Amino acid sequence: EISPSGKGLRIWIAAPSDERATKRRV
């Protein structure tokens, strides 16, 4: 989906089991 600004994008996915995904990553 498109972000509120109209300039970004977000993908919502099923909660992953990958351990790397536990923390917020930038």
mmCIF file of all heavy atoms, coordinates in Angstrom:
data_MODEL
# 
_entry.id   MODEL 
# 
loop_
_atom_site.group_PDB 
_atom_site.id 
_atom_site.type_symbol 
_atom_site.label_atom_id 
_atom_site.label_alt_id 
_atom_site.label_comp_id 
_atom_site.label_asym_id 
_atom_site.label_entity_id 
_atom_site.label_seq_id 
_atom_site.pdbx_PDB_ins_code 
_atom_site.Cartn_x 
_atom_site.Cartn_y 
_atom_site.Cartn_z 
_atom_site.occupancy 
_atom_site.B_iso_or_equiv 
_atom_site.pdbx_formal_charge 
_atom_site.auth_seq_id 
_atom_site.auth_comp_id 
_atom_site.auth_asym_id 
_atom_site.auth_atom_id 
_atom_site.pdbx_PDB_model_num 
ATOM 1   N N   . GLU A 1 1  ? 0.820  -1.206  0.000  1.00 0.00 ? 1  GLU A N   1 
ATOM 2   C CA  . GLU A 1 1  ? 0.000  0.000   0.000  1.00 0.00 ? 1  GLU A CA  1 
ATOM 3   C C   . GLU A 1 1  ? 0.854  1.255   0.000  1.00 0.00 ? 1  GLU A C   1 
ATOM 4   O O   . GLU A 1 1  ? 2.032  1.234   0.375  1.00 0.00 ? 1  GLU A O   1 
ATOM 5   C CB  . GLU A 1 1  ? -0.936 0.013   1.211  1.00 0.00 ? 1  GLU A CB  1 
ATOM 6   C CG  . GLU A 1 1  ? -0.220 0.072   2.553  1.00 0.00 ? 1  GLU A CG  1 
ATOM 7   C CD  . GLU A 1 1  ? -1.188 0.182   3.725  1.00 0.00 ? 1  GLU A CD  1 
ATOM 8   O OE1 . GLU A 1 1  ? -2.352 -0.239  3.590  1.00 0.00 ? 1  GLU A OE1 1 
ATOM 9   O OE2 . GLU A 1 1  ? -0.771 0.700   4.780  1.00 0.00 ? 1  GLU A OE2 1 
ATOM 10  N N   . ILE A 1 2  ? 0.223  2.361   -0.415 1.00 0.00 ? 2  ILE A N   1 
ATOM 11  C CA  . ILE A 1 2  ? 0.889  3.652   -0.458 1.00 0.00 ? 2  ILE A CA  1 
ATOM 12  C C   . ILE A 1 2  ? 0.851  4.299   0.921  1.00 0.00 ? 2  ILE A C   1 
ATOM 13  O O   . ILE A 1 2  ? -0.137 4.201   1.647  1.00 0.00 ? 2  ILE A O   1 
ATOM 14  C CB  . ILE A 1 2  ? 0.186  4.588   -1.469 1.00 0.00 ? 2  ILE A CB  1 
ATOM 15  C CG1 . ILE A 1 2  ? 0.179  3.957   -2.863 1.00 0.00 ? 2  ILE A CG1 1 
ATOM 16  C CG2 . ILE A 1 2  ? 0.863  5.952   -1.519 1.00 0.00 ? 2  ILE A CG2 1 
ATOM 17  C CD1 . ILE A 1 2  ? 1.536  3.772   -3.472 1.00 0.00 ? 2  ILE A CD1 1 
ATOM 18  N N   . SER A 1 3  ? 1.936  4.951   1.305  1.00 0.00 ? 3  SER A N   1 
ATOM 19  C CA  . SER A 1 3  ? 2.029  5.604   2.610  1.00 0.00 ? 3  SER A CA  1 
ATOM 20  C C   . SER A 1 3  ? 1.200  6.894   2.624  1.00 0.00 ? 3  SER A C   1 
ATOM 21  O O   . SER A 1 3  ? 0.760  7.379   1.574  1.00 0.00 ? 3  SER A O   1 
ATOM 22  C CB  . SER A 1 3  ? 3.492  5.936   2.919  1.00 0.00 ? 3  SER A CB  1 
ATOM 23  O OG  . SER A 1 3  ? 3.945  6.969   2.052  1.00 0.00 ? 3  SER A OG  1 
ATOM 24  N N   . PRO A 1 4  ? 0.967  7.488   3.804  1.00 0.00 ? 4  PRO A N   1 
ATOM 25  C CA  . PRO A 1 4  ? 0.170  8.723   3.880  1.00 0.00 ? 4  PRO A CA  1 
ATOM 26  C C   . PRO A 1 4  ? 0.710  9.867   3.027  1.00 0.00 ? 4  PRO A C   1 
ATOM 27  O O   . PRO A 1 4  ? -0.064 10.660  2.490  1.00 0.00 ? 4  PRO A O   1 
ATOM 28  C CB  . PRO A 1 4  ? 0.227  9.080   5.378  1.00 0.00 ? 4  PRO A CB  1 
ATOM 29  C CG  . PRO A 1 4  ? 0.425  7.780   6.060  1.00 0.00 ? 4  PRO A CG  1 
ATOM 30  C CD  . PRO A 1 4  ? 1.328  6.985   5.146  1.00 0.00 ? 4  PRO A CD  1 
ATOM 31  N N   . SER A 1 5  ? 2.024  9.966   2.898  1.00 0.00 ? 5  SER A N   1 
ATOM 32  C CA  . SER A 1 5  ? 2.620  11.058  2.117  1.00 0.00 ? 5  SER A CA  1 
ATOM 33  C C   . SER A 1 5  ? 2.438  10.873  0.621  1.00 0.00 ? 5  SER A C   1 
ATOM 34  O O   . SER A 1 5  ? 2.568  11.827  -0.150 1.00 0.00 ? 5  SER A O   1 
ATOM 35  C CB  . SER A 1 5  ? 4.119  11.160  2.423  1.00 0.00 ? 5  SER A CB  1 
ATOM 36  O OG  . SER A 1 5  ? 4.805  10.027  1.896  1.00 0.00 ? 5  SER A OG  1 
ATOM 37  N N   . GLY A 1 6  ? 2.150  9.646   0.201  1.00 0.00 ? 6  GLY A N   1 
ATOM 38  C CA  . GLY A 1 6  ? 2.060  9.351   -1.223 1.00 0.00 ? 6  GLY A CA  1 
ATOM 39  C C   . GLY A 1 6  ? 3.410  9.086   -1.849 1.00 0.00 ? 6  GLY A C   1 
ATOM 40  O O   . GLY A 1 6  ? 3.506  8.770   -3.031 1.00 0.00 ? 6  GLY A O   1 
ATOM 41  N N   . LYS A 1 7  ? 4.486  9.157   -1.035 1.00 0.00 ? 7  LYS A N   1 
ATOM 42  C CA  . LYS A 1 7  ? 5.837  8.997   -1.562 1.00 0.00 ? 7  LYS A CA  1 
ATOM 43  C C   . LYS A 1 7  ? 6.490  7.682   -1.151 1.00 0.00 ? 7  LYS A C   1 
ATOM 44  O O   . LYS A 1 7  ? 7.556  7.340   -1.646 1.00 0.00 ? 7  LYS A O   1 
ATOM 45  C CB  . LYS A 1 7  ? 6.721  10.155  -1.071 1.00 0.00 ? 7  LYS A CB  1 
ATOM 46  C CG  . LYS A 1 7  ? 6.248  11.532  -1.512 1.00 0.00 ? 7  LYS A CG  1 
ATOM 47  C CD  . LYS A 1 7  ? 7.134  12.622  -0.939 1.00 0.00 ? 7  LYS A CD  1 
ATOM 48  C CE  . LYS A 1 7  ? 6.643  14.000  -1.327 1.00 0.00 ? 7  LYS A CE  1 
ATOM 49  N NZ  . LYS A 1 7  ? 7.499  15.086  -0.745 1.00 0.00 ? 7  LYS A NZ  1 
ATOM 50  N N   . GLY A 1 8  ? 5.854  6.965   -0.224 1.00 0.00 ? 8  GLY A N   1 
ATOM 51  C CA  . GLY A 1 8  ? 6.425  5.719   0.273  1.00 0.00 ? 8  GLY A CA  1 
ATOM 52  C C   . GLY A 1 8  ? 5.518  4.539   0.019  1.00 0.00 ? 8  GLY A C   1 
ATOM 53  O O   . GLY A 1 8  ? 4.368  4.683   -0.409 1.00 0.00 ? 8  GLY A O   1 
ATOM 54  N N   . LEU A 1 9  ? 6.050  3.363   0.295  1.00 0.00 ? 9  LEU A N   1 
ATOM 55  C CA  . LEU A 1 9  ? 5.311  2.126   0.084  1.00 0.00 ? 9  LEU A CA  1 
ATOM 56  C C   . LEU A 1 9  ? 5.519  1.224   1.287  1.00 0.00 ? 9  LEU A C   1 
ATOM 57  O O   . LEU A 1 9  ? 6.592  1.210   1.890  1.00 0.00 ? 9  LEU A O   1 
ATOM 58  C CB  . LEU A 1 9  ? 5.814  1.412   -1.180 1.00 0.00 ? 9  LEU A CB  1 
ATOM 59  C CG  . LEU A 1 9  ? 4.998  0.204   -1.631 1.00 0.00 ? 9  LEU A CG  1 
ATOM 60  C CD1 . LEU A 1 9  ? 3.797  0.678   -2.454 1.00 0.00 ? 9  LEU A CD1 1 
ATOM 61  C CD2 . LEU A 1 9  ? 5.846  -0.743  -2.468 1.00 0.00 ? 9  LEU A CD2 1 
ATOM 62  N N   . ARG A 1 10 ? 4.480  0.469   1.628  1.00 0.00 ? 10 ARG A N   1 
ATOM 63  C CA  . ARG A 1 10 ? 4.589  -0.476  2.726  1.00 0.00 ? 10 ARG A CA  1 
ATOM 64  C C   . ARG A 1 10 ? 4.075  -1.823  2.255  1.00 0.00 ? 10 ARG A C   1 
ATOM 65  O O   . ARG A 1 10 ? 3.050  -1.902  1.574  1.00 0.00 ? 10 ARG A O   1 
ATOM 66  C CB  . ARG A 1 10 ? 3.764  0.017   3.911  1.00 0.00 ? 10 ARG A CB  1 
ATOM 67  C CG  . ARG A 1 10 ? 4.036  -0.700  5.191  1.00 0.00 ? 10 ARG A CG  1 
ATOM 68  C CD  . ARG A 1 10 ? 3.695  0.186   6.359  1.00 0.00 ? 10 ARG A CD  1 
ATOM 69  N NE  . ARG A 1 10 ? 4.548  1.368   6.382  1.00 0.00 ? 10 ARG A NE  1 
ATOM 70  C CZ  . ARG A 1 10 ? 4.086  2.621   6.388  1.00 0.00 ? 10 ARG A CZ  1 
ATOM 71  N NH1 . ARG A 1 10 ? 2.805  2.856   6.371  1.00 0.00 ? 10 ARG A NH1 1 
ATOM 72  N NH2 . ARG A 1 10 ? 4.929  3.632   6.418  1.00 0.00 ? 10 ARG A NH2 1 
ATOM 73  N N   . ILE A 1 11 ? 4.789  -2.883  2.597  1.00 0.00 ? 11 ILE A N   1 
ATOM 74  C CA  . ILE A 1 11 ? 4.329  -4.233  2.305  1.00 0.00 ? 11 ILE A CA  1 
ATOM 75  C C   . ILE A 1 11 ? 4.044  -4.913  3.638  1.00 0.00 ? 11 ILE A C   1 
ATOM 76  O O   . ILE A 1 11 ? 4.922  -4.998  4.503  1.00 0.00 ? 11 ILE A O   1 
ATOM 77  C CB  . ILE A 1 11 ? 5.374  -5.041  1.509  1.00 0.00 ? 11 ILE A CB  1 
ATOM 78  C CG1 . ILE A 1 11 ? 5.671  -4.370  0.170  1.00 0.00 ? 11 ILE A CG1 1 
ATOM 79  C CG2 . ILE A 1 11 ? 4.864  -6.465  1.262  1.00 0.00 ? 11 ILE A CG2 1 
ATOM 80  C CD1 . ILE A 1 11 ? 6.729  -5.085  -0.664 1.00 0.00 ? 11 ILE A CD1 1 
ATOM 81  N N   . TRP A 1 12 ? 2.803  -5.364  3.807  1.00 0.00 ? 12 TRP A N   1 
ATOM 82  C CA  . TRP A 1 12 ? 2.425  -6.100  5.013  1.00 0.00 ? 12 TRP A CA  1 
ATOM 83  C C   . TRP A 1 12 ? 2.483  -7.578  4.707  1.00 0.00 ? 12 TRP A C   1 
ATOM 84  O O   . TRP A 1 12 ? 1.911  -8.030  3.723  1.00 0.00 ? 12 TRP A O   1 
ATOM 85  C CB  . TRP A 1 12 ? 1.027  -5.688  5.471  1.00 0.00 ? 12 TRP A CB  1 
ATOM 86  C CG  . TRP A 1 12 ? 0.983  -4.308  6.030  1.00 0.00 ? 12 TRP A CG  1 
ATOM 87  C CD1 . TRP A 1 12 ? 0.547  -3.180  5.388  1.00 0.00 ? 12 TRP A CD1 1 
ATOM 88  C CD2 . TRP A 1 12 ? 1.417  -3.891  7.325  1.00 0.00 ? 12 TRP A CD2 1 
ATOM 89  N NE1 . TRP A 1 12 ? 0.681  -2.084  6.203  1.00 0.00 ? 12 TRP A NE1 1 
ATOM 90  C CE2 . TRP A 1 12 ? 1.208  -2.488  7.400  1.00 0.00 ? 12 TRP A CE2 1 
ATOM 91  C CE3 . TRP A 1 12 ? 1.954  -4.562  8.421  1.00 0.00 ? 12 TRP A CE3 1 
ATOM 92  C CZ2 . TRP A 1 12 ? 1.522  -1.754  8.541  1.00 0.00 ? 12 TRP A CZ2 1 
ATOM 93  C CZ3 . TRP A 1 12 ? 2.267  -3.827  9.558  1.00 0.00 ? 12 TRP A CZ3 1 
ATOM 94  C CH2 . TRP A 1 12 ? 2.042  -2.438  9.613  1.00 0.00 ? 12 TRP A CH2 1 
ATOM 95  N N   . ILE A 1 13 ? 3.193  -8.325  5.547  1.00 0.00 ? 13 ILE A N   1 
ATOM 96  C CA  . ILE A 1 13 ? 3.391  -9.749  5.299  1.00 0.00 ? 13 ILE A CA  1 
ATOM 97  C C   . ILE A 1 13 ? 2.983  -10.562 6.530  1.00 0.00 ? 13 ILE A C   1 
ATOM 98  O O   . ILE A 1 13 ? 2.826  -10.022 7.630  1.00 0.00 ? 13 ILE A O   1 
ATOM 99  C CB  . ILE A 1 13 ? 4.867  -10.050 4.940  1.00 0.00 ? 13 ILE A CB  1 
ATOM 100 C CG1 . ILE A 1 13 ? 5.780  -9.833  6.158  1.00 0.00 ? 13 ILE A CG1 1 
ATOM 101 C CG2 . ILE A 1 13 ? 5.321  -9.179  3.769  1.00 0.00 ? 13 ILE A CG2 1 
ATOM 102 C CD1 . ILE A 1 13 ? 7.229  -10.242 5.930  1.00 0.00 ? 13 ILE A CD1 1 
ATOM 103 N N   . ALA A 1 14 ? 2.811  -11.857 6.340  1.00 0.00 ? 14 ALA A N   1 
ATOM 104 C CA  . ALA A 1 14 ? 2.530  -12.741 7.467  1.00 0.00 ? 14 ALA A CA  1 
ATOM 105 C C   . ALA A 1 14 ? 3.748  -12.750 8.384  1.00 0.00 ? 14 ALA A C   1 
ATOM 106 O O   . ALA A 1 14 ? 4.891  -12.759 7.915  1.00 0.00 ? 14 ALA A O   1 
ATOM 107 C CB  . ALA A 1 14 ? 2.218  -14.148 6.975  1.00 0.00 ? 14 ALA A CB  1 
ATOM 108 N N   . ALA A 1 15 ? 3.521  -12.733 9.680  1.00 0.00 ? 15 ALA A N   1 
ATOM 109 C CA  . ALA A 1 15 ? 4.618  -12.672 10.646 1.00 0.00 ? 15 ALA A CA  1 
ATOM 110 C C   . ALA A 1 15 ? 5.645  -13.771 10.371 1.00 0.00 ? 15 ALA A C   1 
ATOM 111 O O   . ALA A 1 15 ? 5.304  -14.946 10.337 1.00 0.00 ? 15 ALA A O   1 
ATOM 112 C CB  . ALA A 1 15 ? 4.077  -12.815 12.060 1.00 0.00 ? 15 ALA A CB  1 
ATOM 113 N N   . PRO A 1 16 ? 6.912  -13.395 10.147 1.00 0.00 ? 16 PRO A N   1 
ATOM 114 C CA  . PRO A 1 16 ? 7.946  -14.373 9.796  1.00 0.00 ? 16 PRO A CA  1 
ATOM 115 C C   . PRO A 1 16 ? 8.555  -15.063 11.013 1.00 0.00 ? 16 PRO A C   1 
ATOM 116 O O   . PRO A 1 16 ? 8.509  -14.557 12.132 1.00 0.00 ? 16 PRO A O   1 
ATOM 117 C CB  . PRO A 1 16 ? 9.001  -13.511 9.099  1.00 0.00 ? 16 PRO A CB  1 
ATOM 118 C CG  . PRO A 1 16 ? 8.882  -12.186 9.793  1.00 0.00 ? 16 PRO A CG  1 
ATOM 119 C CD  . PRO A 1 16 ? 7.418  -12.020 10.107 1.00 0.00 ? 16 PRO A CD  1 
ATOM 120 N N   . SER A 1 17 ? 9.151  -16.223 10.771 1.00 0.00 ? 17 SER A N   1 
ATOM 121 C CA  . SER A 1 17 ? 9.853  -16.948 11.831 1.00 0.00 ? 17 SER A CA  1 
ATOM 122 C C   . SER A 1 17 ? 11.366 -16.707 11.755 1.00 0.00 ? 17 SER A C   1 
ATOM 123 O O   . SER A 1 17 ? 12.105 -17.135 12.642 1.00 0.00 ? 17 SER A O   1 
ATOM 124 C CB  . SER A 1 17 ? 9.579  -18.453 11.719 1.00 0.00 ? 17 SER A CB  1 
ATOM 125 O OG  . SER A 1 17 ? 9.968  -18.943 10.442 1.00 0.00 ? 17 SER A OG  1 
ATOM 126 N N   . ASP A 1 18 ? 11.828 -16.031 10.723 1.00 0.00 ? 18 ASP A N   1 
ATOM 127 C CA  . ASP A 1 18 ? 13.244 -15.726 10.541 1.00 0.00 ? 18 ASP A CA  1 
ATOM 128 C C   . ASP A 1 18 ? 13.757 -14.934 11.750 1.00 0.00 ? 18 ASP A C   1 
ATOM 129 O O   . ASP A 1 18 ? 13.222 -13.870 12.086 1.00 0.00 ? 18 ASP A O   1 
ATOM 130 C CB  . ASP A 1 18 ? 13.424 -14.894 9.264  1.00 0.00 ? 18 ASP A CB  1 
ATOM 131 C CG  . ASP A 1 18 ? 14.878 -14.753 8.846  1.00 0.00 ? 18 ASP A CG  1 
ATOM 132 O OD1 . ASP A 1 18 ? 15.748 -14.557 9.718  1.00 0.00 ? 18 ASP A OD1 1 
ATOM 133 O OD2 . ASP A 1 18 ? 15.152 -14.845 7.628  1.00 0.00 ? 18 ASP A OD2 1 
ATOM 134 N N   . GLU A 1 19 ? 14.784 -15.446 12.423 1.00 0.00 ? 19 GLU A N   1 
ATOM 135 C CA  . GLU A 1 19 ? 15.306 -14.799 13.628 1.00 0.00 ? 19 GLU A CA  1 
ATOM 136 C C   . GLU A 1 19 ? 15.819 -13.390 13.350 1.00 0.00 ? 19 GLU A C   1 
ATOM 137 O O   . GLU A 1 19 ? 15.804 -12.528 14.237 1.00 0.00 ? 19 GLU A O   1 
ATOM 138 C CB  . GLU A 1 19 ? 16.422 -15.645 14.244 1.00 0.00 ? 19 GLU A CB  1 
ATOM 139 C CG  . GLU A 1 19 ? 15.939 -16.947 14.864 1.00 0.00 ? 19 GLU A CG  1 
ATOM 140 C CD  . GLU A 1 19 ? 17.049 -17.688 15.584 1.00 0.00 ? 19 GLU A CD  1 
ATOM 141 O OE1 . GLU A 1 19 ? 18.181 -17.166 15.618 1.00 0.00 ? 19 GLU A OE1 1 
ATOM 142 O OE2 . GLU A 1 19 ? 16.778 -18.780 16.117 1.00 0.00 ? 19 GLU A OE2 1 
ATOM 143 N N   . ARG A 1 20 ? 16.268 -13.142 12.126 1.00 0.00 ? 20 ARG A N   1 
ATOM 144 C CA  . ARG A 1 20 ? 16.763 -11.810 11.776 1.00 0.00 ? 20 ARG A CA  1 
ATOM 145 C C   . ARG A 1 20 ? 15.658 -10.760 11.828 1.00 0.00 ? 20 ARG A C   1 
ATOM 146 O O   . ARG A 1 20 ? 15.921 -9.562  11.932 1.00 0.00 ? 20 ARG A O   1 
ATOM 147 C CB  . ARG A 1 20 ? 17.384 -11.820 10.375 1.00 0.00 ? 20 ARG A CB  1 
ATOM 148 C CG  . ARG A 1 20 ? 18.617 -12.694 10.221 1.00 0.00 ? 20 ARG A CG  1 
ATOM 149 C CD  . ARG A 1 20 ? 19.070 -12.699 8.768  1.00 0.00 ? 20 ARG A CD  1 
ATOM 150 N NE  . ARG A 1 20 ? 18.029 -13.239 7.889  1.00 0.00 ? 20 ARG A NE  1 
ATOM 151 C CZ  . ARG A 1 20 ? 18.045 -13.120 6.555  1.00 0.00 ? 20 ARG A CZ  1 
ATOM 152 N NH1 . ARG A 1 20 ? 19.041 -12.493 5.956  1.00 0.00 ? 20 ARG A NH1 1 
ATOM 153 N NH2 . ARG A 1 20 ? 17.066 -13.642 5.830  1.00 0.00 ? 20 ARG A NH2 1 
ATOM 154 N N   . ALA A 1 21 ? 14.407 -11.219 11.730 1.00 0.00 ? 21 ALA A N   1 
ATOM 155 C CA  . ALA A 1 21 ? 13.275 -10.294 11.675 1.00 0.00 ? 21 ALA A CA  1 
ATOM 156 C C   . ALA A 1 21 ? 12.795 -9.868  13.053 1.00 0.00 ? 21 ALA A C   1 
ATOM 157 O O   . ALA A 1 21 ? 11.925 -9.007  13.164 1.00 0.00 ? 21 ALA A O   1 
ATOM 158 C CB  . ALA A 1 21 ? 12.126 -10.943 10.903 1.00 0.00 ? 21 ALA A CB  1 
ATOM 159 N N   . THR A 1 22 ? 13.357 -10.445 14.105 1.00 0.00 ? 22 THR A N   1 
ATOM 160 C CA  . THR A 1 22 ? 12.879 -10.157 15.466 1.00 0.00 ? 22 THR A CA  1 
ATOM 161 C C   . THR A 1 22 ? 13.025 -8.688  15.808 1.00 0.00 ? 22 THR A C   1 
ATOM 162 O O   . THR A 1 22 ? 12.125 -8.074  16.384 1.00 0.00 ? 22 THR A O   1 
ATOM 163 C CB  . THR A 1 22 ? 13.652 -11.002 16.495 1.00 0.00 ? 22 THR A CB  1 
ATOM 164 O OG1 . THR A 1 22 ? 13.501 -12.381 16.184 1.00 0.00 ? 22 THR A OG1 1 
ATOM 165 C CG2 . THR A 1 22 ? 13.127 -10.737 17.896 1.00 0.00 ? 22 THR A CG2 1 
ATOM 166 N N   . LYS A 1 23 ? 14.166 -8.099  15.453 1.00 0.00 ? 23 LYS A N   1 
ATOM 167 C CA  . LYS A 1 23 ? 14.416 -6.697  15.766 1.00 0.00 ? 23 LYS A CA  1 
ATOM 168 C C   . LYS A 1 23 ? 14.124 -5.808  14.564 1.00 0.00 ? 23 LYS A C   1 
ATOM 169 O O   . LYS A 1 23 ? 14.150 -6.247  13.427 1.00 0.00 ? 23 LYS A O   1 
ATOM 170 C CB  . LYS A 1 23 ? 15.876 -6.495  16.187 1.00 0.00 ? 23 LYS A CB  1 
ATOM 171 C CG  . LYS A 1 23 ? 16.271 -7.248  17.452 1.00 0.00 ? 23 LYS A CG  1 
ATOM 172 C CD  . LYS A 1 23 ? 17.702 -6.932  17.824 1.00 0.00 ? 23 LYS A CD  1 
ATOM 173 C CE  . LYS A 1 23 ? 18.153 -7.721  19.051 1.00 0.00 ? 23 LYS A CE  1 
ATOM 174 N NZ  . LYS A 1 23 ? 17.352 -7.389  20.240 1.00 0.00 ? 23 LYS A NZ  1 
ATOM 175 N N   . ARG A 1 24 ? 13.831 -4.572  14.868 1.00 0.00 ? 24 ARG A N   1 
ATOM 176 C CA  . ARG A 1 24 ? 13.666 -3.569  13.821 1.00 0.00 ? 24 ARG A CA  1 
ATOM 177 C C   . ARG A 1 24 ? 15.009 -3.388  13.108 1.00 0.00 ? 24 ARG A C   1 
ATOM 178 O O   . ARG A 1 24 ? 16.051 -3.260  13.753 1.00 0.00 ? 24 ARG A O   1 
ATOM 179 C CB  . ARG A 1 24 ? 13.228 -2.245  14.441 1.00 0.00 ? 24 ARG A CB  1 
ATOM 180 C CG  . ARG A 1 24 ? 13.186 -1.090  13.460 1.00 0.00 ? 24 ARG A CG  1 
ATOM 181 C CD  . ARG A 1 24 ? 12.952 0.218   14.198 1.00 0.00 ? 24 ARG A CD  1 
ATOM 182 N NE  . ARG A 1 24 ? 13.040 1.358   13.291 1.00 0.00 ? 24 ARG A NE  1 
ATOM 183 C CZ  . ARG A 1 24 ? 13.518 2.552   13.636 1.00 0.00 ? 24 ARG A CZ  1 
ATOM 184 N NH1 . ARG A 1 24 ? 13.933 2.761   14.874 1.00 0.00 ? 24 ARG A NH1 1 
ATOM 185 N NH2 . ARG A 1 24 ? 13.562 3.524   12.762 1.00 0.00 ? 24 ARG A NH2 1 
ATOM 186 N N   . ARG A 1 25 ? 14.984 -3.407  11.785 1.00 0.00 ? 25 ARG A N   1 
ATOM 187 C CA  . ARG A 1 25 ? 16.217 -3.232  11.016 1.00 0.00 ? 25 ARG A CA  1 
ATOM 188 C C   . ARG A 1 25 ? 16.026 -2.139  9.969  1.00 0.00 ? 25 ARG A C   1 
ATOM 189 O O   . ARG A 1 25 ? 14.976 -2.036  9.354  1.00 0.00 ? 25 ARG A O   1 
ATOM 190 C CB  . ARG A 1 25 ? 16.645 -4.543  10.354 1.00 0.00 ? 25 ARG A CB  1 
ATOM 191 C CG  . ARG A 1 25 ? 17.063 -5.604  11.372 1.00 0.00 ? 25 ARG A CG  1 
ATOM 192 C CD  . ARG A 1 25 ? 17.500 -6.899  10.723 1.00 0.00 ? 25 ARG A CD  1 
ATOM 193 N NE  . ARG A 1 25 ? 17.876 -7.893  11.725 1.00 0.00 ? 25 ARG A NE  1 
ATOM 194 C CZ  . ARG A 1 25 ? 19.099 -8.028  12.223 1.00 0.00 ? 25 ARG A CZ  1 
ATOM 195 N NH1 . ARG A 1 25 ? 20.072 -7.241  11.793 1.00 0.00 ? 25 ARG A NH1 1 
ATOM 196 N NH2 . ARG A 1 25 ? 19.366 -8.938  13.135 1.00 0.00 ? 25 ARG A NH2 1 
ATOM 197 N N   . VAL A 1 26 ? 17.074 -1.350  9.806  1.00 0.00 ? 26 VAL A N   1 
ATOM 198 C CA  . VAL A 1 26 ? 17.014 -0.199  8.913  1.00 0.00 ? 26 VAL A CA  1 
ATOM 199 C C   . VAL A 1 26 ? 18.092 -0.312  7.850  1.00 0.00 ? 26 VAL A C   1 
ATOM 200 O O   . VAL A 1 26 ? 19.229 -0.690  8.137  1.00 0.00 ? 26 VAL A O   1 
ATOM 201 C CB  . VAL A 1 26 ? 17.203 1.114   9.705  1.00 0.00 ? 26 VAL A CB  1 
ATOM 202 C CG1 . VAL A 1 26 ? 17.143 2.314   8.771  1.00 0.00 ? 26 VAL A CG1 1 
ATOM 203 C CG2 . VAL A 1 26 ? 16.142 1.240   10.802 1.00 0.00 ? 26 VAL A CG2 1 
# 
